[in-house]
Structures are given as C-alpha cells and as structure tokens.
Amino acid sequence: MKGQKPSFQRHIYGAIESGHPAIVYFATSGRRSHVIPIVGHTFVEDMWPPKADSTYFNYKRLGRAGHITSDAWLGAFIAHDDNCGTHVRVPPRYLYVQPKCRKLLRRSHPCDVLPPCVLHVIATAPQAAAISVGDADVLADAYLRPVLKAYRSKPVQNSQWRDRVTRYAAAKRLVLRLVLVSLKEYAEHLRYERGVLGCGVSDKVTEALHEAPTKHAWMAEISLGELFSRHRHKVGEVLINAGTMAPEDQDDPRRRFIMARLPGYIITVDQQFRMRFDPSEAAHHVPLFRCSNV
C-alpha cells in the first residue's frame, strides 16, 4: 500500500482498539532487554493537536491524509511490568526506535552510540487478518473520497448530518477509528445500533455481509471531532476485507471494499465497482464500537 509507513505505536494502538494485546521488546542499559505487554490505553478528550492541526496547519501543504486518526487523542499506553508494577502508564513517545538526533548532526554525538530502544513489537490479531492497520487506514481514505463526493448531493431525510459530514470532510477534519472485527461482531453491533436509533438498517447490509469473501474486516468508524472526543459517537463506517485475497484480486485494492454506511445511506458496489446508494433510516449518530462515554 502507498502512503507513510505507520509507526510501531500505531500498530500497538490498532491492536488495543481491536481488543487484542500487544508486546514490546526493548533494550535496556547494560546490553540487556525486557518485555512488557500493552493491555490498554488512556483517552484525553481535550487533547490540543487534533484541533491545532485543522486550525493552524495546512494539510494540503503538508501532504497529510484526508482525515484525523483517532490515536490523536491517545494519552498513554497501559502496560504490565513485573519490575515496575501493573497498569503502569507508558507515554507513546517514551519508547523509541532510535534516538531522534541520530544522522542529523555532522559531528559525533553521544546518541550515535546508543542502541535502538525498541527492538521488536508484536501487535496481536486473528490469524485470518492479512493487512495491517496502516494499510486499512490508506484504503479507508481512498474509498471515502469518491463515496463522499457522491454523497454530498444525495437527498436525505435529515440533511443536517449529511451537511456536517461533507463539511468536515472538505476541511479534512473527519475522524477515523480503525477496529479489526469479525463480520459476526459487526452484525451484532448493527443490532445494537437499531435499538439506539429506534429504526431498522437496510437489508443491503445483511446482503453485503453475506457476500463478503471473508470473516474479518477492518471497520473504519467515521466521526466528527467533538462528536468523537466528547461523546464517543460516530456517523458511519467503512468495512474493508482484512482477509487473504484470491490471487487474481490481490493487485486491485478495490476488491477489499465491502460496504460503507453514512447518515441516510448504505453504500455498496457492483462487479464493475459502480457505487449504489440504498436509503437507510439510520440518519443519526450512534456510539462507537465497544466504547461509551463513561
């Protein structure tokens, strides 16, 4: 997949959000090493960078993705350490791959002789998962561009949320949260959404899930800044096939698209990748998967 290579912190975060632990193997003083499991993370709802990026800095000039990743609100990883205790908080940038000053200074510097801190990271996932969180993020961004372009002119019962979604997308302020789920888990999540919304979801969802050639998918939950940080709610999802593709489909990223959902519509594609918008009564925001504001 094209795009910036995600940091090891991003792989850890993707595993934790999906309900799977991660393991960090790092070097210590005296040429020794240590291993700690990462079992969770904290969430800081009033984090400054997500707002500052869209307020002060030009995304187009910097060449960044067309959205904000949900780890922008990451406070610290939660780890167990048999030397330091349980449920200790590890700031994401405390552990590093190599000193930042290496290769930046012309003259020799003490950090040139320091070994990399992090040696290996294991971000656990189901065996069937064939693509990483970084690949899924790139695909979600690529899928959303044409979907949102067509969506902004679609009639909906409640145009407020359609207009807000398209406005945030134009400003590159949509929030994407990547979670690796089974299609069974997603179906159960939709049943929960039905109860929250008090209405049904199009049968096209059931059909799309039934026809998907996989049991696992990366779900890119779509949200807006304050809706995400204050309420832990979302306005839709993009489902991406996380499994192994048939040899004839491996070179075509479009084959990984399963479906998308935005307020008022379910979006699927046919064999020629032509988009189909089916009306849905789900025209509002709902809680994030496995997450609530408590």
C-alpha atoms as a PDB file:
ATOM      1  CA  MET A   1       0.000   0.000   0.000  1.00  0.00           C
ATOM      2  CA  LYS A   2       1.200   3.510  -0.781  1.00  0.00           C
ATOM      3  CA  GLY A   3       1.450   6.052   1.982  1.00  0.00           C
ATOM      4  CA  GLN A   4       3.556   6.889   5.004  1.00  0.00           C
ATOM      5  CA  LYS A   5       4.758   3.864   6.933  1.00  0.00           C
ATOM      6  CA  PRO A   6       2.904   3.791  10.267  1.00  0.00           C
ATOM      7  CA  SER A   7       4.896   3.975  13.494  1.00  0.00           C
ATOM      8  CA  PHE A   8       5.106   0.998  15.812  1.00  0.00           C
ATOM      9  CA  GLN A   9       2.912   2.976  18.210  1.00  0.00           C
ATOM     10  CA  ARG A  10       0.180   2.949  15.563  1.00  0.00           C
ATOM     11  CA  HIS A  11       0.345  -0.849  15.309  1.00  0.00           C
ATOM     12  CA  ILE A  12       0.073  -1.141  19.098  1.00  0.00           C
ATOM     13  CA  TYR A  13      -2.896   1.234  19.156  1.00  0.00           C
ATOM     14  CA  GLY A  14      -4.659  -0.674  16.361  1.00  0.00           C
ATOM     15  CA  ALA A  15      -4.323  -3.940  18.250  1.00  0.00           C
ATOM     16  CA  ILE A  16      -5.565  -2.441  21.527  1.00  0.00           C
ATOM     17  CA  GLU A  17      -8.587  -0.783  19.869  1.00  0.00           C
ATOM     18  CA  SER A  18      -9.460  -4.152  18.340  1.00  0.00           C
ATOM     19  CA  GLY A  19      -9.404  -5.876  21.711  1.00  0.00           C
ATOM     20  CA  HIS A  20      -6.033  -7.603  21.315  1.00  0.00           C
ATOM     21  CA  PRO A  21      -2.900  -7.101  23.443  1.00  0.00           C
ATOM     22  CA  ALA A  22       0.493  -6.072  22.140  1.00  0.00           C
ATOM     23  CA  ILE A  23       4.005  -6.916  23.302  1.00  0.00           C
ATOM     24  CA  VAL A  24       7.002  -4.562  23.282  1.00  0.00           C
ATOM     25  CA  TYR A  25      10.520  -5.967  23.433  1.00  0.00           C
ATOM     26  CA  PHE A  26      13.089  -3.250  24.172  1.00  0.00           C
ATOM     27  CA  ALA A  27      16.763  -2.823  25.051  1.00  0.00           C
ATOM     28  CA  THR A  28      17.890  -1.601  28.460  1.00  0.00           C
ATOM     29  CA  SER A  29      21.174  -0.372  29.897  1.00  0.00           C
ATOM     30  CA  GLY A  30      23.968  -2.902  30.120  1.00  0.00           C
ATOM     31  CA  ARG A  31      23.053  -4.570  26.821  1.00  0.00           C
ATOM     32  CA  ARG A  32      20.069  -6.275  28.351  1.00  0.00           C
ATOM     33  CA  SER A  33      16.472  -6.429  27.204  1.00  0.00           C
ATOM     34  CA  HIS A  34      12.977  -6.581  28.666  1.00  0.00           C
ATOM     35  CA  VAL A  35       9.441  -7.375  27.519  1.00  0.00           C
ATOM     36  CA  ILE A  36       6.202  -5.736  28.585  1.00  0.00           C
ATOM     37  CA  PRO A  37       2.627  -6.447  27.435  1.00  0.00           C
ATOM     38  CA  ILE A  38       0.441  -3.481  26.450  1.00  0.00           C
ATOM     39  CA  VAL A  39      -3.160  -4.101  27.505  1.00  0.00           C
ATOM     40  CA  GLY A  40      -4.927  -0.766  27.053  1.00  0.00           C
ATOM     41  CA  HIS A  41      -4.626   2.985  26.703  1.00  0.00           C
ATOM     42  CA  THR A  42      -5.979   6.201  28.159  1.00  0.00           C
ATOM     43  CA  PHE A  43      -8.091   8.756  26.276  1.00  0.00           C
ATOM     44  CA  VAL A  44      -7.653  12.537  26.588  1.00  0.00           C
ATOM     45  CA  GLU A  45     -10.756  14.277  25.260  1.00  0.00           C
ATOM     46  CA  ASP A  46      -9.335  17.819  25.440  1.00  0.00           C
ATOM     47  CA  MET A  47      -6.155  16.995  23.507  1.00  0.00           C
ATOM     48  CA  TRP A  48      -4.797  20.048  21.639  1.00  0.00           C
ATOM     49  CA  PRO A  49      -3.159  18.633  18.456  1.00  0.00           C
ATOM     50  CA  PRO A  50      -6.357  17.447  16.678  1.00  0.00           C
ATOM     51  CA  LYS A  51      -7.794  20.970  16.821  1.00  0.00           C
ATOM     52  CA  ALA A  52      -4.472  22.680  16.202  1.00  0.00           C
ATOM     53  CA  ASP A  53      -3.808  20.653  13.043  1.00  0.00           C
ATOM     54  CA  SER A  54      -7.001  21.876  11.395  1.00  0.00           C
ATOM     55  CA  THR A  55      -6.841  25.386  12.871  1.00  0.00           C
ATOM     56  CA  TYR A  56      -3.213  26.365  12.285  1.00  0.00           C
ATOM     57  CA  PHE A  57      -1.621  23.973   9.792  1.00  0.00           C
ATOM     58  CA  ASN A  58      -2.257  23.353   6.101  1.00  0.00           C
ATOM     59  CA  TYR A  59      -2.983  19.656   5.460  1.00  0.00           C
ATOM     60  CA  LYS A  60      -2.573  20.006   1.683  1.00  0.00           C
ATOM     61  CA  ARG A  61       0.807  21.680   2.046  1.00  0.00           C
ATOM     62  CA  LEU A  62       1.996  19.034   4.465  1.00  0.00           C
ATOM     63  CA  GLY A  63       0.640  16.216   2.294  1.00  0.00           C
ATOM     64  CA  ARG A  64      -1.214  14.534   5.146  1.00  0.00           C
ATOM     65  CA  ALA A  65      -4.108  12.109   4.902  1.00  0.00           C
ATOM     66  CA  GLY A  66      -7.585  13.484   4.406  1.00  0.00           C
ATOM     67  CA  HIS A  67      -8.662  12.766   7.976  1.00  0.00           C
ATOM     68  CA  ILE A  68      -7.614  12.735  11.622  1.00  0.00           C
ATOM     69  CA  THR A  69      -6.719   9.351  13.094  1.00  0.00           C
ATOM     70  CA  SER A  70      -8.324   8.542  16.433  1.00  0.00           C
ATOM     71  CA  ASP A  71      -4.970   7.981  18.128  1.00  0.00           C
ATOM     72  CA  ALA A  72      -4.624  11.781  18.134  1.00  0.00           C
ATOM     73  CA  TRP A  73      -6.492  11.568  21.473  1.00  0.00           C
ATOM     74  CA  LEU A  74      -4.210   8.846  22.850  1.00  0.00           C
ATOM     75  CA  GLY A  75      -2.880   9.742  26.280  1.00  0.00           C
ATOM     76  CA  ALA A  76      -0.715   6.789  27.315  1.00  0.00           C
ATOM     77  CA  PHE A  77      -0.482   3.052  26.836  1.00  0.00           C
ATOM     78  CA  ILE A  78      -1.310   0.876  29.832  1.00  0.00           C
ATOM     79  CA  ALA A  79       1.223  -1.866  30.473  1.00  0.00           C
ATOM     80  CA  HIS A  80       2.080  -4.592  32.967  1.00  0.00           C
ATOM     81  CA  ASP A  81       5.706  -4.674  34.119  1.00  0.00           C
ATOM     82  CA  ASP A  82       6.932  -7.329  36.528  1.00  0.00           C
ATOM     83  CA  ASN A  83       9.562  -4.874  37.803  1.00  0.00           C
ATOM     84  CA  CYS A  84       7.552  -1.622  37.981  1.00  0.00           C
ATOM     85  CA  GLY A  85       4.004  -2.798  38.629  1.00  0.00           C
ATOM     86  CA  THR A  86       0.670  -3.425  36.944  1.00  0.00           C
ATOM     87  CA  HIS A  87      -1.393  -0.919  34.975  1.00  0.00           C
ATOM     88  CA  VAL A  88       1.520   1.492  34.594  1.00  0.00           C
ATOM     89  CA  ARG A  89       1.141   4.289  32.042  1.00  0.00           C
ATOM     90  CA  VAL A  90       3.642   4.496  29.201  1.00  0.00           C
ATOM     91  CA  PRO A  91       3.641   7.736  27.139  1.00  0.00           C
ATOM     92  CA  PRO A  92       3.560   6.764  23.432  1.00  0.00           C
ATOM     93  CA  ARG A  93       6.842   8.547  22.610  1.00  0.00           C
ATOM     94  CA  TYR A  94       8.742   7.392  25.699  1.00  0.00           C
ATOM     95  CA  LEU A  95       9.919   4.280  23.858  1.00  0.00           C
ATOM     96  CA  TYR A  96      11.689   4.942  20.569  1.00  0.00           C
ATOM     97  CA  VAL A  97      13.193   3.041  17.659  1.00  0.00           C
ATOM     98  CA  GLN A  98      16.348   5.153  17.509  1.00  0.00           C
ATOM     99  CA  PRO A  99      17.421   8.475  19.014  1.00  0.00           C
ATOM    100  CA  LYS A 100      15.891  11.423  17.169  1.00  0.00           C
ATOM    101  CA  CYS A 101      19.210  13.246  16.843  1.00  0.00           C
ATOM    102  CA  ARG A 102      20.937  10.354  15.042  1.00  0.00           C
ATOM    103  CA  LYS A 103      22.002  11.217  11.461  1.00  0.00           C
ATOM    104  CA  LEU A 104      21.008  14.853  11.993  1.00  0.00           C
ATOM    105  CA  LEU A 105      24.310  16.102  13.413  1.00  0.00           C
ATOM    106  CA  ARG A 106      27.538  16.319  11.410  1.00  0.00           C
ATOM    107  CA  ARG A 107      29.817  15.693  14.350  1.00  0.00           C
ATOM    108  CA  SER A 108      29.836  12.675  16.607  1.00  0.00           C
ATOM    109  CA  HIS A 109      27.256  12.862  19.345  1.00  0.00           C
ATOM    110  CA  PRO A 110      26.660  10.620  22.387  1.00  0.00           C
ATOM    111  CA  CYS A 111      23.382   9.365  20.965  1.00  0.00           C
ATOM    112  CA  ASP A 112      25.216   7.907  17.953  1.00  0.00           C
ATOM    113  CA  VAL A 113      26.461   5.075  20.142  1.00  0.00           C
ATOM    114  CA  LEU A 114      23.113   4.391  21.815  1.00  0.00           C
ATOM    115  CA  PRO A 115      21.332   1.276  20.582  1.00  0.00           C
ATOM    116  CA  PRO A 116      17.710   1.465  19.396  1.00  0.00           C
ATOM    117  CA  CYS A 117      15.353   1.232  22.345  1.00  0.00           C
ATOM    118  CA  VAL A 118      12.503  -0.782  20.830  1.00  0.00           C
ATOM    119  CA  LEU A 119      13.757  -3.967  19.200  1.00  0.00           C
ATOM    120  CA  HIS A 120      10.504  -5.784  18.352  1.00  0.00           C
ATOM    121  CA  VAL A 121       6.777  -5.155  18.615  1.00  0.00           C
ATOM    122  CA  ILE A 122       4.109  -7.845  18.366  1.00  0.00           C
ATOM    123  CA  ALA A 123       0.645  -6.435  17.662  1.00  0.00           C
ATOM    124  CA  THR A 124      -1.581  -9.496  18.005  1.00  0.00           C
ATOM    125  CA  ALA A 125      -4.519 -10.142  15.667  1.00  0.00           C
ATOM    126  CA  PRO A 126      -6.613 -13.065  14.423  1.00  0.00           C
ATOM    127  CA  GLN A 127      -4.652 -15.384  12.162  1.00  0.00           C
ATOM    128  CA  ALA A 128      -7.012 -14.606   9.278  1.00  0.00           C
ATOM    129  CA  ALA A 129      -6.062 -10.910   9.249  1.00  0.00           C
ATOM    130  CA  ALA A 130      -3.804 -10.263   6.241  1.00  0.00           C
ATOM    131  CA  ILE A 131      -3.440  -6.462   6.206  1.00  0.00           C
ATOM    132  CA  SER A 132      -2.206  -4.064   8.867  1.00  0.00           C
ATOM    133  CA  VAL A 133      -3.879  -1.060  10.447  1.00  0.00           C
ATOM    134  CA  GLY A 134      -1.718   1.198   8.285  1.00  0.00           C
ATOM    135  CA  ASP A 135      -2.897  -0.471   5.076  1.00  0.00           C
ATOM    136  CA  ALA A 136      -6.512  -0.281   6.255  1.00  0.00           C
ATOM    137  CA  ASP A 137      -6.153   3.437   7.001  1.00  0.00           C
ATOM    138  CA  VAL A 138      -4.867   4.143   3.482  1.00  0.00           C
ATOM    139  CA  LEU A 139      -7.673   2.097   1.923  1.00  0.00           C
ATOM    140  CA  ALA A 140     -10.376   3.736   4.046  1.00  0.00           C
ATOM    141  CA  ASP A 141      -9.180   7.163   2.981  1.00  0.00           C
ATOM    142  CA  ALA A 142      -9.126   6.116  -0.686  1.00  0.00           C
ATOM    143  CA  TYR A 143     -12.628   4.603  -0.519  1.00  0.00           C
ATOM    144  CA  LEU A 144     -14.156   7.589   1.269  1.00  0.00           C
ATOM    145  CA  ARG A 145     -13.102  10.174  -1.305  1.00  0.00           C
ATOM    146  CA  PRO A 146     -15.441   9.058  -4.149  1.00  0.00           C
ATOM    147  CA  VAL A 147     -18.151   7.986  -1.696  1.00  0.00           C
ATOM    148  CA  LEU A 148     -18.271  11.423  -0.048  1.00  0.00           C
ATOM    149  CA  LYS A 149     -18.154  13.187  -3.409  1.00  0.00           C
ATOM    150  CA  ALA A 150     -21.333  11.371  -4.487  1.00  0.00           C
ATOM    151  CA  TYR A 151     -22.923  11.522  -1.032  1.00  0.00           C
ATOM    152  CA  ARG A 152     -22.988  15.302  -0.734  1.00  0.00           C
ATOM    153  CA  SER A 153     -25.660  15.623  -3.435  1.00  0.00           C
ATOM    154  CA  LYS A 154     -27.879  12.801  -2.160  1.00  0.00           C
ATOM    155  CA  PRO A 155     -31.273  13.708  -0.656  1.00  0.00           C
ATOM    156  CA  VAL A 156     -31.675  12.630   2.956  1.00  0.00           C
ATOM    157  CA  GLN A 157     -34.461  12.927   5.499  1.00  0.00           C
ATOM    158  CA  ASN A 158     -32.208  14.798   7.921  1.00  0.00           C
ATOM    159  CA  SER A 159     -29.788  16.892   5.855  1.00  0.00           C
ATOM    160  CA  GLN A 160     -28.123  18.311   8.969  1.00  0.00           C
ATOM    161  CA  TRP A 161     -25.814  15.329   9.407  1.00  0.00           C
ATOM    162  CA  ARG A 162     -25.112  14.927   5.685  1.00  0.00           C
ATOM    163  CA  ASP A 163     -24.065  18.580   5.516  1.00  0.00           C
ATOM    164  CA  ARG A 164     -21.905  18.312   8.622  1.00  0.00           C
ATOM    165  CA  VAL A 165     -20.159  15.191   7.340  1.00  0.00           C
ATOM    166  CA  THR A 166     -19.398  16.722   3.933  1.00  0.00           C
ATOM    167  CA  ARG A 167     -18.260  19.996   5.526  1.00  0.00           C
ATOM    168  CA  TYR A 168     -15.879  18.212   7.887  1.00  0.00           C
ATOM    169  CA  ALA A 169     -14.604  16.060   5.015  1.00  0.00           C
ATOM    170  CA  ALA A 170     -13.841  19.137   2.908  1.00  0.00           C
ATOM    171  CA  ALA A 171     -11.857  20.593   5.825  1.00  0.00           C
ATOM    172  CA  LYS A 172     -10.068  17.245   6.359  1.00  0.00           C
ATOM    173  CA  ARG A 173     -11.461  17.054   9.886  1.00  0.00           C
ATOM    174  CA  LEU A 174     -13.245  13.707   9.761  1.00  0.00           C
ATOM    175  CA  VAL A 175     -12.026  11.282  12.422  1.00  0.00           C
ATOM    176  CA  LEU A 176     -11.333   7.647  11.504  1.00  0.00           C
ATOM    177  CA  ARG A 177     -11.029   4.923  14.124  1.00  0.00           C
ATOM    178  CA  LEU A 178      -9.765   1.564  12.801  1.00  0.00           C
ATOM    179  CA  VAL A 179     -11.031  -1.553  14.579  1.00  0.00           C
ATOM    180  CA  LEU A 180     -10.487  -5.135  13.440  1.00  0.00           C
ATOM    181  CA  VAL A 181     -13.790  -7.022  13.802  1.00  0.00           C
ATOM    182  CA  SER A 182     -15.413 -10.229  12.666  1.00  0.00           C
ATOM    183  CA  LEU A 183     -18.444  -9.808  10.432  1.00  0.00           C
ATOM    184  CA  LYS A 184     -20.469 -11.534  13.148  1.00  0.00           C
ATOM    185  CA  GLU A 185     -19.397  -8.845  15.631  1.00  0.00           C
ATOM    186  CA  TYR A 186     -20.332  -6.132  13.140  1.00  0.00           C
ATOM    187  CA  ALA A 187     -23.776  -7.663  12.625  1.00  0.00           C
ATOM    188  CA  GLU A 188     -24.309  -7.705  16.409  1.00  0.00           C
ATOM    189  CA  HIS A 189     -23.152  -4.089  16.559  1.00  0.00           C
ATOM    190  CA  LEU A 190     -25.768  -3.160  13.950  1.00  0.00           C
ATOM    191  CA  ARG A 191     -28.471  -4.820  16.033  1.00  0.00           C
ATOM    192  CA  TYR A 192     -27.382  -2.648  18.945  1.00  0.00           C
ATOM    193  CA  GLU A 193     -27.497   0.420  16.670  1.00  0.00           C
ATOM    194  CA  ARG A 194     -31.067  -0.447  15.710  1.00  0.00           C
ATOM    195  CA  GLY A 195     -32.022  -0.229  19.381  1.00  0.00           C
ATOM    196  CA  VAL A 196     -30.254   3.116  19.808  1.00  0.00           C
ATOM    197  CA  LEU A 197     -31.745   4.640  16.660  1.00  0.00           C
ATOM    198  CA  GLY A 198     -35.200   3.152  17.085  1.00  0.00           C
ATOM    199  CA  CYS A 199     -35.253   2.144  13.423  1.00  0.00           C
ATOM    200  CA  GLY A 200     -34.013  -0.563  11.125  1.00  0.00           C
ATOM    201  CA  VAL A 201     -30.967  -0.759   8.857  1.00  0.00           C
ATOM    202  CA  SER A 202     -31.268  -1.601   5.160  1.00  0.00           C
ATOM    203  CA  ASP A 203     -31.294  -5.273   4.177  1.00  0.00           C
ATOM    204  CA  LYS A 204     -28.408  -4.357   1.861  1.00  0.00           C
ATOM    205  CA  VAL A 205     -26.157  -4.598   4.905  1.00  0.00           C
ATOM    206  CA  THR A 206     -27.086  -8.228   5.516  1.00  0.00           C
ATOM    207  CA  GLU A 207     -26.628  -8.951   1.824  1.00  0.00           C
ATOM    208  CA  ALA A 208     -23.208  -7.268   1.683  1.00  0.00           C
ATOM    209  CA  LEU A 209     -22.004  -9.155   4.748  1.00  0.00           C
ATOM    210  CA  HIS A 210     -23.295 -12.459   3.376  1.00  0.00           C
ATOM    211  CA  GLU A 211     -21.492 -11.949   0.049  1.00  0.00           C
ATOM    212  CA  ALA A 212     -18.200 -10.798   1.590  1.00  0.00           C
ATOM    213  CA  PRO A 213     -15.407 -13.349   0.938  1.00  0.00           C
ATOM    214  CA  THR A 214     -14.017 -13.010   4.457  1.00  0.00           C
ATOM    215  CA  LYS A 215     -14.890 -13.418   8.127  1.00  0.00           C
ATOM    216  CA  HIS A 216     -12.844 -10.437   9.354  1.00  0.00           C
ATOM    217  CA  ALA A 217     -12.829  -6.797   8.347  1.00  0.00           C
ATOM    218  CA  TRP A 218     -11.187  -3.563   9.330  1.00  0.00           C
ATOM    219  CA  MET A 219     -14.006  -1.239  10.347  1.00  0.00           C
ATOM    220  CA  ALA A 220     -13.126   2.415   9.836  1.00  0.00           C
ATOM    221  CA  GLU A 221     -15.549   4.247  12.097  1.00  0.00           C
ATOM    222  CA  ILE A 222     -16.293   7.751  10.820  1.00  0.00           C
ATOM    223  CA  SER A 223     -16.829  10.566  13.278  1.00  0.00           C
ATOM    224  CA  LEU A 224     -16.504  14.322  13.778  1.00  0.00           C
ATOM    225  CA  GLY A 225     -14.072  15.929  16.211  1.00  0.00           C
ATOM    226  CA  GLU A 226     -16.328  16.942  19.101  1.00  0.00           C
ATOM    227  CA  LEU A 227     -18.742  14.078  18.493  1.00  0.00           C
ATOM    228  CA  PHE A 228     -15.820  11.667  18.846  1.00  0.00           C
ATOM    229  CA  SER A 229     -13.925  13.251  21.722  1.00  0.00           C
ATOM    230  CA  ARG A 230     -16.867  14.351  23.868  1.00  0.00           C
ATOM    231  CA  HIS A 231     -19.473  11.683  23.236  1.00  0.00           C
ATOM    232  CA  ARG A 232     -17.587   8.680  21.733  1.00  0.00           C
ATOM    233  CA  HIS A 233     -20.120   8.594  18.884  1.00  0.00           C
ATOM    234  CA  LYS A 234     -19.835   8.121  15.120  1.00  0.00           C
ATOM    235  CA  VAL A 235     -21.839   8.810  11.972  1.00  0.00           C
ATOM    236  CA  GLY A 236     -20.902   5.753   9.920  1.00  0.00           C
ATOM    237  CA  GLU A 237     -18.357   3.129   8.922  1.00  0.00           C
ATOM    238  CA  VAL A 238     -16.341   1.732   6.035  1.00  0.00           C
ATOM    239  CA  LEU A 239     -15.798  -2.044   6.020  1.00  0.00           C
ATOM    240  CA  ILE A 240     -12.561  -3.342   4.475  1.00  0.00           C
ATOM    241  CA  ASN A 241     -11.815  -7.002   3.778  1.00  0.00           C
ATOM    242  CA  ALA A 242      -8.994  -7.908   6.191  1.00  0.00           C
ATOM    243  CA  GLY A 243      -8.529 -11.469   4.942  1.00  0.00           C
ATOM    244  CA  THR A 244      -6.354 -13.059   2.306  1.00  0.00           C
ATOM    245  CA  MET A 245      -7.460 -12.197  -1.217  1.00  0.00           C
ATOM    246  CA  ALA A 246      -7.673 -14.545  -4.179  1.00  0.00           C
ATOM    247  CA  PRO A 247      -4.521 -14.337  -6.362  1.00  0.00           C
ATOM    248  CA  GLU A 248      -6.417 -12.645  -9.206  1.00  0.00           C
ATOM    249  CA  ASP A 249      -7.694  -9.915  -6.831  1.00  0.00           C
ATOM    250  CA  GLN A 250      -4.534  -9.137  -4.873  1.00  0.00           C
ATOM    251  CA  ASP A 251      -3.372  -6.326  -7.176  1.00  0.00           C
ATOM    252  CA  ASP A 252      -6.710  -4.500  -7.147  1.00  0.00           C
ATOM    253  CA  PRO A 253      -7.294  -2.626  -3.851  1.00  0.00           C
ATOM    254  CA  ARG A 254     -10.922  -2.005  -4.824  1.00  0.00           C
ATOM    255  CA  ARG A 255     -11.657  -5.688  -4.214  1.00  0.00           C
ATOM    256  CA  ARG A 256     -11.237  -5.148  -0.467  1.00  0.00           C
ATOM    257  CA  PHE A 257     -14.189  -2.770  -0.236  1.00  0.00           C
ATOM    258  CA  ILE A 258     -17.199  -4.457   1.431  1.00  0.00           C
ATOM    259  CA  MET A 259     -19.578  -1.587   2.180  1.00  0.00           C
ATOM    260  CA  ALA A 260     -19.908   1.829   3.765  1.00  0.00           C
ATOM    261  CA  ARG A 261     -22.576   3.499   5.847  1.00  0.00           C
ATOM    262  CA  LEU A 262     -23.266   7.215   6.202  1.00  0.00           C
ATOM    263  CA  PRO A 263     -26.294   9.013   7.663  1.00  0.00           C
ATOM    264  CA  GLY A 264     -29.261   8.050   5.496  1.00  0.00           C
ATOM    265  CA  TYR A 265     -27.498   5.600   3.163  1.00  0.00           C
ATOM    266  CA  ILE A 266     -25.824   2.210   2.778  1.00  0.00           C
ATOM    267  CA  ILE A 267     -23.175   2.222   0.036  1.00  0.00           C
ATOM    268  CA  THR A 268     -22.179  -0.930  -1.857  1.00  0.00           C
ATOM    269  CA  VAL A 269     -20.536  -1.584  -5.242  1.00  0.00           C
ATOM    270  CA  ASP A 270     -21.318  -3.966  -8.087  1.00  0.00           C
ATOM    271  CA  GLN A 271     -18.870  -6.121 -10.061  1.00  0.00           C
ATOM    272  CA  GLN A 272     -17.845  -3.086 -12.133  1.00  0.00           C
ATOM    273  CA  PHE A 273     -17.264  -1.075  -8.901  1.00  0.00           C
ATOM    274  CA  ARG A 274     -20.172   1.236  -9.595  1.00  0.00           C
ATOM    275  CA  MET A 275     -21.497   2.676  -6.344  1.00  0.00           C
ATOM    276  CA  ARG A 276     -25.038   2.023  -5.223  1.00  0.00           C
ATOM    277  CA  PHE A 277     -26.692   4.180  -2.558  1.00  0.00           C
ATOM    278  CA  ASP A 278     -29.566   2.457  -0.779  1.00  0.00           C
ATOM    279  CA  PRO A 279     -31.642   4.588   1.606  1.00  0.00           C
ATOM    280  CA  SER A 280     -31.387   3.780   5.305  1.00  0.00           C
ATOM    281  CA  GLU A 281     -33.447   5.041   8.213  1.00  0.00           C
ATOM    282  CA  ALA A 282     -30.241   5.322  10.243  1.00  0.00           C
ATOM    283  CA  ALA A 283     -29.686   9.052   9.755  1.00  0.00           C
ATOM    284  CA  HIS A 284     -28.099   9.995  13.092  1.00  0.00           C
ATOM    285  CA  HIS A 285     -25.002   9.292  15.169  1.00  0.00           C
ATOM    286  CA  VAL A 286     -24.543   6.191  17.336  1.00  0.00           C
ATOM    287  CA  PRO A 287     -21.978   5.008  19.965  1.00  0.00           C
ATOM    288  CA  LEU A 288     -18.608   3.758  18.810  1.00  0.00           C
ATOM    289  CA  PHE A 289     -17.984   0.023  18.726  1.00  0.00           C
ATOM    290  CA  ARG A 290     -17.149  -1.269  22.237  1.00  0.00           C
ATOM    291  CA  CYS A 291     -16.911   2.263  23.512  1.00  0.00           C
ATOM    292  CA  SER A 292     -19.090   4.635  25.536  1.00  0.00           C
ATOM    293  CA  ASN A 293     -18.634   7.942  27.318  1.00  0.00           C
ATOM    294  CA  VAL A 294     -18.465   6.942  30.956  1.00  0.00           C
END
